[in-house]
Amino acid sequence: MSLIRNSKEVVRAIDFTGVQNGVIHPSDIDAVLEFDNDILILIEVKKRGNKIPIGQKLLLERICSSWRTKRSVVLKVEYDDTYPQDQNIPLDGCYVTAYYHRYKWVNTKEPYSLKNFLNYLGDRWNNKKCRF
């Protein structure tokens, strides 16, 4: 069962036109997990090989770095283009290829399944809620 309540609404994009100042404009975060005001996980999803734009990357880094505990991370998650254009991309089928933690980005040596990476964080940070 999908968590998407109305898939017809999901395909509608939010147009930021008119709410920009030069190259500065609103940004989005694809997914956020927060556990007990202690753990913060920000997830940005990109098609394989695409970079996170500089402004969005700075935003994600600043939110992560200002979190009240050291248990915060930004995950760059990628998907490949094997998914048909008319189908949703399942997040649990995506891979972590880089992460930002404690003021630095780390590229993973190999892609990690998102679920495995989240479970790793749950184990490392001893939080039973952060297990999937």
N, C-alpha and C. Protein backbone atom coordinates (compact mmCIF):
# COMPACT_ATOMS: atom_id res chain seq x y z
N MET A 1 0.84 -1.19 0.00
CA MET A 1 0.00 0.00 0.00
C MET A 1 0.88 1.25 0.00
N SER A 2 0.59 2.15 -0.86
CA SER A 2 1.37 3.37 -0.99
C SER A 2 0.97 4.39 0.08
N LEU A 3 1.92 5.20 0.51
CA LEU A 3 1.65 6.28 1.45
C LEU A 3 1.18 7.55 0.73
N ILE A 4 1.15 7.54 -0.60
CA ILE A 4 0.70 8.70 -1.36
C ILE A 4 -0.83 8.73 -1.33
N ARG A 5 -1.38 9.80 -0.75
CA ARG A 5 -2.84 9.92 -0.62
C ARG A 5 -3.53 10.23 -1.94
N ASN A 6 -2.92 11.10 -2.74
CA ASN A 6 -3.54 11.49 -4.00
C ASN A 6 -2.43 11.63 -5.05
N SER A 7 -2.16 10.56 -5.77
CA SER A 7 -1.05 10.58 -6.73
C SER A 7 -1.26 11.58 -7.85
N LYS A 8 -2.49 11.96 -8.13
CA LYS A 8 -2.74 12.97 -9.17
C LYS A 8 -2.21 14.34 -8.74
N GLU A 9 -2.26 14.61 -7.45
CA GLU A 9 -1.74 15.88 -6.93
C GLU A 9 -0.21 15.89 -6.89
N VAL A 10 0.40 14.73 -6.68
CA VAL A 10 1.85 14.65 -6.58
C VAL A 10 2.53 15.08 -7.88
N VAL A 11 1.92 14.81 -9.01
CA VAL A 11 2.55 15.15 -10.29
C VAL A 11 2.49 16.64 -10.59
N ARG A 12 1.73 17.36 -9.82
CA ARG A 12 1.66 18.81 -10.02
C ARG A 12 2.83 19.48 -9.32
N ALA A 13 3.62 20.22 -10.08
CA ALA A 13 4.79 20.89 -9.53
C ALA A 13 4.41 22.22 -8.90
N ILE A 14 5.15 22.61 -7.91
CA ILE A 14 5.01 23.94 -7.31
C ILE A 14 5.97 24.86 -8.08
N ASP A 15 5.44 25.87 -8.70
CA ASP A 15 6.24 26.81 -9.50
C ASP A 15 6.67 27.97 -8.61
N PHE A 16 7.97 28.13 -8.44
CA PHE A 16 8.51 29.18 -7.56
C PHE A 16 8.63 30.54 -8.25
N THR A 17 8.18 30.65 -9.50
CA THR A 17 8.25 31.92 -10.22
C THR A 17 7.57 33.02 -9.40
N GLY A 18 8.24 34.14 -9.30
CA GLY A 18 7.70 35.28 -8.56
C GLY A 18 8.16 35.32 -7.11
N VAL A 19 8.76 34.23 -6.65
CA VAL A 19 9.28 34.18 -5.28
C VAL A 19 10.78 33.88 -5.37
N GLN A 20 11.46 34.74 -6.11
CA GLN A 20 12.90 34.61 -6.22
C GLN A 20 13.52 35.99 -6.20
N ASN A 21 14.78 36.03 -5.87
CA ASN A 21 15.55 37.27 -5.87
C ASN A 21 16.84 36.95 -6.62
N GLY A 22 16.86 37.22 -7.89
CA GLY A 22 18.00 36.82 -8.71
C GLY A 22 18.03 35.30 -8.78
N VAL A 23 19.17 34.71 -8.36
CA VAL A 23 19.28 33.26 -8.40
C VAL A 23 18.79 32.61 -7.10
N ILE A 24 18.40 33.42 -6.13
CA ILE A 24 17.90 32.88 -4.86
C ILE A 24 16.41 32.62 -4.98
N HIS A 25 16.02 31.40 -4.66
CA HIS A 25 14.60 31.03 -4.73
C HIS A 25 14.33 29.91 -3.73
N PRO A 26 13.07 29.62 -3.45
CA PRO A 26 12.75 28.56 -2.49
C PRO A 26 13.35 27.22 -2.93
N SER A 27 13.56 26.38 -1.94
CA SER A 27 14.08 25.04 -2.19
C SER A 27 13.19 24.03 -1.47
N ASP A 28 13.37 22.78 -1.79
CA ASP A 28 12.60 21.74 -1.11
C ASP A 28 13.55 20.69 -0.55
N ILE A 29 13.04 19.90 0.36
CA ILE A 29 13.74 18.75 0.90
C ILE A 29 12.83 17.56 0.59
N ASP A 30 13.38 16.53 -0.01
CA ASP A 30 12.54 15.43 -0.47
C ASP A 30 11.96 14.59 0.66
N ALA A 31 12.72 14.38 1.72
CA ALA A 31 12.20 13.59 2.85
C ALA A 31 12.94 13.99 4.12
N VAL A 32 12.21 13.94 5.23
CA VAL A 32 12.78 14.26 6.54
C VAL A 32 12.30 13.20 7.52
N LEU A 33 13.23 12.68 8.31
CA LEU A 33 12.89 11.80 9.43
C LEU A 33 13.44 12.44 10.69
N GLU A 34 12.63 12.48 11.72
CA GLU A 34 13.04 13.06 13.00
C GLU A 34 12.55 12.13 14.09
N PHE A 35 13.42 11.82 15.02
CA PHE A 35 13.09 10.90 16.10
C PHE A 35 13.38 11.54 17.46
N ASP A 36 12.33 11.73 18.24
CA ASP A 36 12.43 12.13 19.65
C ASP A 36 13.24 13.40 19.88
N ASN A 37 13.19 14.34 18.96
CA ASN A 37 13.94 15.59 19.10
C ASN A 37 15.44 15.34 19.29
N ASP A 38 15.90 14.19 18.79
CA ASP A 38 17.29 13.78 18.98
C ASP A 38 17.98 13.51 17.65
N ILE A 39 17.32 12.79 16.77
CA ILE A 39 17.90 12.40 15.48
C ILE A 39 17.18 13.13 14.36
N LEU A 40 17.96 13.69 13.43
CA LEU A 40 17.41 14.35 12.25
C LEU A 40 18.09 13.77 11.02
N ILE A 41 17.28 13.27 10.09
CA ILE A 41 17.79 12.73 8.83
C ILE A 41 17.09 13.47 7.69
N LEU A 42 17.88 14.21 6.91
CA LEU A 42 17.37 14.92 5.74
C LEU A 42 17.76 14.12 4.51
N ILE A 43 16.81 13.93 3.61
CA ILE A 43 17.06 13.10 2.43
C ILE A 43 16.79 13.91 1.16
N GLU A 44 17.78 13.96 0.29
CA GLU A 44 17.63 14.61 -1.00
C GLU A 44 17.81 13.54 -2.08
N VAL A 45 16.81 13.40 -2.94
CA VAL A 45 16.79 12.36 -3.96
C VAL A 45 17.12 12.97 -5.32
N LYS A 46 18.05 12.35 -6.01
CA LYS A 46 18.44 12.81 -7.35
C LYS A 46 18.56 11.61 -8.28
N LYS A 47 18.37 11.88 -9.57
CA LYS A 47 18.62 10.86 -10.58
C LYS A 47 20.12 10.57 -10.57
N ARG A 48 20.48 9.31 -10.77
CA ARG A 48 21.89 8.91 -10.71
C ARG A 48 22.77 9.86 -11.52
N GLY A 49 23.83 10.33 -10.87
CA GLY A 49 24.79 11.20 -11.53
C GLY A 49 24.50 12.69 -11.39
N ASN A 50 23.29 13.07 -10.97
CA ASN A 50 22.96 14.49 -10.80
C ASN A 50 23.47 14.98 -9.45
N LYS A 51 23.96 16.21 -9.45
CA LYS A 51 24.47 16.82 -8.22
C LYS A 51 23.37 17.60 -7.51
N ILE A 52 23.56 17.80 -6.22
CA ILE A 52 22.68 18.69 -5.46
C ILE A 52 23.15 20.11 -5.78
N PRO A 53 22.26 21.00 -6.25
CA PRO A 53 22.67 22.37 -6.55
C PRO A 53 23.28 23.05 -5.31
N ILE A 54 24.23 23.94 -5.55
CA ILE A 54 24.98 24.59 -4.47
C ILE A 54 24.07 25.20 -3.41
N GLY A 55 23.09 25.99 -3.80
CA GLY A 55 22.22 26.64 -2.82
C GLY A 55 21.46 25.63 -1.97
N GLN A 56 20.94 24.60 -2.59
CA GLN A 56 20.21 23.57 -1.85
C GLN A 56 21.16 22.80 -0.93
N LYS A 57 22.36 22.54 -1.40
CA LYS A 57 23.37 21.84 -0.60
C LYS A 57 23.72 22.66 0.64
N LEU A 58 23.92 23.96 0.46
CA LEU A 58 24.22 24.83 1.60
C LEU A 58 23.07 24.84 2.60
N LEU A 59 21.84 24.90 2.11
CA LEU A 59 20.66 24.87 2.98
C LEU A 59 20.64 23.59 3.80
N LEU A 60 20.80 22.44 3.15
CA LEU A 60 20.78 21.16 3.85
C LEU A 60 21.91 21.07 4.88
N GLU A 61 23.10 21.52 4.51
CA GLU A 61 24.24 21.51 5.43
C GLU A 61 23.96 22.38 6.66
N ARG A 62 23.41 23.56 6.44
CA ARG A 62 23.16 24.49 7.55
C ARG A 62 22.09 23.96 8.50
N ILE A 63 21.04 23.36 7.96
CA ILE A 63 20.02 22.78 8.82
C ILE A 63 20.62 21.64 9.63
N CYS A 64 21.35 20.77 8.98
CA CYS A 64 21.97 19.62 9.65
C CYS A 64 22.95 20.08 10.73
N SER A 65 23.81 21.02 10.39
CA SER A 65 24.84 21.48 11.32
C SER A 65 24.27 22.23 12.52
N SER A 66 23.08 22.80 12.36
CA SER A 66 22.51 23.57 13.47
C SER A 66 21.59 22.71 14.36
N TRP A 67 21.44 21.43 14.02
CA TRP A 67 20.59 20.55 14.83
C TRP A 67 21.14 20.47 16.24
N ARG A 68 20.27 20.31 17.20
CA ARG A 68 20.61 20.39 18.62
C ARG A 68 21.47 19.25 19.13
N THR A 69 21.60 18.16 18.38
CA THR A 69 22.47 17.06 18.78
C THR A 69 23.43 16.76 17.63
N LYS A 70 24.38 15.88 17.87
CA LYS A 70 25.31 15.47 16.82
C LYS A 70 24.73 14.33 15.98
N ARG A 71 23.48 14.00 16.24
CA ARG A 71 22.81 12.92 15.51
C ARG A 71 21.96 13.49 14.38
N SER A 72 22.65 14.12 13.44
CA SER A 72 21.98 14.69 12.27
C SER A 72 22.80 14.35 11.05
N VAL A 73 22.10 14.12 9.95
CA VAL A 73 22.78 13.72 8.73
C VAL A 73 21.93 14.12 7.53
N VAL A 74 22.61 14.43 6.43
CA VAL A 74 21.96 14.63 5.14
C VAL A 74 22.35 13.44 4.27
N LEU A 75 21.37 12.80 3.68
CA LEU A 75 21.65 11.68 2.78
C LEU A 75 21.37 12.10 1.34
N LYS A 76 22.36 11.92 0.48
CA LYS A 76 22.12 12.07 -0.96
C LYS A 76 21.74 10.69 -1.46
N VAL A 77 20.53 10.57 -1.94
CA VAL A 77 19.98 9.30 -2.36
C VAL A 77 19.74 9.37 -3.87
N GLU A 78 20.13 8.32 -4.57
CA GLU A 78 19.99 8.32 -6.02
C GLU A 78 19.14 7.16 -6.51
N TYR A 79 18.53 7.38 -7.66
CA TYR A 79 17.79 6.33 -8.36
C TYR A 79 18.29 6.29 -9.79
N ASP A 80 18.12 5.14 -10.44
CA ASP A 80 18.52 5.06 -11.85
C ASP A 80 17.30 5.27 -12.74
N ASP A 81 17.55 5.37 -14.02
CA ASP A 81 16.44 5.68 -14.91
C ASP A 81 15.77 4.43 -15.49
N THR A 82 15.73 3.36 -14.70
CA THR A 82 15.00 2.16 -15.13
C THR A 82 13.52 2.27 -14.81
N TYR A 83 13.15 3.26 -13.98
CA TYR A 83 11.74 3.45 -13.64
C TYR A 83 11.04 4.20 -14.78
N PRO A 84 9.93 3.65 -15.28
CA PRO A 84 9.18 4.35 -16.34
C PRO A 84 8.72 5.73 -15.87
N GLN A 85 8.66 6.67 -16.82
CA GLN A 85 8.28 8.05 -16.52
C GLN A 85 6.91 8.16 -15.86
N ASP A 86 6.02 7.22 -16.14
CA ASP A 86 4.66 7.31 -15.60
C ASP A 86 4.48 6.54 -14.29
N GLN A 87 5.58 6.09 -13.69
CA GLN A 87 5.49 5.37 -12.43
C GLN A 87 6.25 6.11 -11.33
N ASN A 88 5.78 5.95 -10.10
CA ASN A 88 6.45 6.54 -8.95
C ASN A 88 7.79 5.84 -8.72
N ILE A 89 8.71 6.57 -8.14
CA ILE A 89 10.02 6.02 -7.78
C ILE A 89 9.95 5.60 -6.32
N PRO A 90 10.07 4.31 -6.03
CA PRO A 90 9.99 3.87 -4.63
C PRO A 90 11.27 4.25 -3.87
N LEU A 91 11.11 5.00 -2.81
CA LEU A 91 12.26 5.46 -2.03
C LEU A 91 13.06 4.28 -1.49
N ASP A 92 12.38 3.21 -1.12
CA ASP A 92 13.11 2.07 -0.56
C ASP A 92 13.89 1.30 -1.63
N GLY A 93 13.78 1.71 -2.89
CA GLY A 93 14.57 1.12 -3.96
C GLY A 93 15.74 2.00 -4.37
N CYS A 94 15.94 3.08 -3.63
CA CYS A 94 17.01 4.04 -3.95
C CYS A 94 18.25 3.74 -3.10
N TYR A 95 19.35 4.38 -3.47
CA TYR A 95 20.63 4.11 -2.83
C TYR A 95 21.30 5.38 -2.30
N VAL A 96 21.92 5.28 -1.13
CA VAL A 96 22.71 6.37 -0.56
C VAL A 96 24.06 6.35 -1.24
N THR A 97 24.43 7.48 -1.85
CA THR A 97 25.72 7.58 -2.52
C THR A 97 26.65 8.59 -1.85
N ALA A 98 26.09 9.40 -0.96
CA ALA A 98 26.89 10.37 -0.20
C ALA A 98 26.09 10.80 1.02
N TYR A 99 26.81 11.27 2.03
CA TYR A 99 26.14 11.79 3.22
C TYR A 99 26.97 12.91 3.83
N TYR A 100 26.27 13.80 4.52
CA TYR A 100 26.89 14.94 5.20
C TYR A 100 26.66 14.75 6.69
N HIS A 101 27.75 14.73 7.45
CA HIS A 101 27.66 14.54 8.90
C HIS A 101 28.87 15.21 9.54
N ARG A 102 28.60 15.97 10.60
CA ARG A 102 29.67 16.67 11.33
C ARG A 102 30.55 17.51 10.40
N TYR A 103 29.89 18.33 9.61
CA TYR A 103 30.53 19.37 8.80
C TYR A 103 31.30 18.87 7.59
N LYS A 104 31.07 17.61 7.16
CA LYS A 104 31.77 17.17 5.96
C LYS A 104 30.93 16.17 5.17
N TRP A 105 31.13 16.21 3.85
CA TRP A 105 30.48 15.26 2.95
C TRP A 105 31.39 14.06 2.76
N VAL A 106 30.78 12.89 2.71
CA VAL A 106 31.50 11.64 2.46
C VAL A 106 30.79 10.93 1.30
N ASN A 107 31.54 10.60 0.26
CA ASN A 107 31.00 9.77 -0.81
C ASN A 107 31.15 8.32 -0.39
N THR A 108 30.09 7.55 -0.51
CA THR A 108 30.18 6.15 -0.13
C THR A 108 31.05 5.41 -1.15
N LYS A 109 31.77 4.41 -0.70
CA LYS A 109 32.62 3.63 -1.61
C LYS A 109 31.77 2.85 -2.60
N GLU A 110 30.61 2.44 -2.15
CA GLU A 110 29.64 1.77 -3.00
C GLU A 110 28.26 2.24 -2.57
N PRO A 111 27.28 2.20 -3.46
CA PRO A 111 25.93 2.62 -3.06
C PRO A 111 25.36 1.68 -1.99
N TYR A 112 24.70 2.25 -1.01
CA TYR A 112 24.05 1.49 0.05
C TYR A 112 22.54 1.62 -0.09
N SER A 113 21.85 0.53 0.07
CA SER A 113 20.40 0.59 0.09
C SER A 113 19.98 1.58 1.17
N LEU A 114 19.00 2.42 0.86
CA LEU A 114 18.54 3.42 1.83
C LEU A 114 18.11 2.75 3.13
N LYS A 115 17.32 1.69 3.04
CA LYS A 115 16.85 1.01 4.24
C LYS A 115 18.01 0.48 5.08
N ASN A 116 19.01 -0.10 4.44
CA ASN A 116 20.18 -0.59 5.19
C ASN A 116 20.92 0.55 5.87
N PHE A 117 21.04 1.68 5.18
CA PHE A 117 21.75 2.83 5.76
C PHE A 117 20.97 3.39 6.95
N LEU A 118 19.65 3.49 6.82
CA LEU A 118 18.83 3.97 7.93
C LEU A 118 18.93 3.01 9.13
N ASN A 119 18.90 1.73 8.87
CA ASN A 119 19.03 0.75 9.96
C ASN A 119 20.40 0.85 10.63
N TYR A 120 21.44 1.09 9.83
CA TYR A 120 22.77 1.31 10.37
C TYR A 120 22.77 2.50 11.32
N LEU A 121 22.14 3.61 10.90
CA LEU A 121 22.07 4.79 11.77
C LEU A 121 21.29 4.48 13.05
N GLY A 122 20.18 3.76 12.93
CA GLY A 122 19.39 3.39 14.10
C GLY A 122 20.21 2.57 15.08
N ASP A 123 20.99 1.64 14.57
CA ASP A 123 21.86 0.83 15.43
C ASP A 123 22.97 1.68 16.04
N ARG A 124 23.61 2.46 15.20
CA ARG A 124 24.75 3.27 15.67
C ARG A 124 24.32 4.29 16.73
N TRP A 125 23.13 4.88 16.52
CA TRP A 125 22.65 5.89 17.45
C TRP A 125 21.70 5.31 18.50
N ASN A 126 21.62 3.99 18.54
CA ASN A 126 20.83 3.28 19.55
C ASN A 126 19.40 3.80 19.66
N ASN A 127 18.73 3.83 18.52
CA ASN A 127 17.34 4.29 18.49
C ASN A 127 16.48 3.26 17.78
N LYS A 128 15.61 2.61 18.52
CA LYS A 128 14.77 1.54 17.97
C LYS A 128 13.77 2.05 16.94
N LYS A 129 13.37 3.32 17.04
CA LYS A 129 12.42 3.88 16.08
C LYS A 129 13.05 4.05 14.70
N CYS A 130 14.36 4.20 14.67
CA CYS A 130 15.09 4.41 13.42
C CYS A 130 15.55 3.06 12.87
N ARG A 131 14.57 2.17 12.69
CA ARG A 131 14.87 0.84 12.12
C ARG A 131 13.72 0.50 11.18
N PHE A 132 14.04 0.02 10.01
CA PHE A 132 13.02 -0.19 8.98
C PHE A 132 13.08 -1.61 8.41
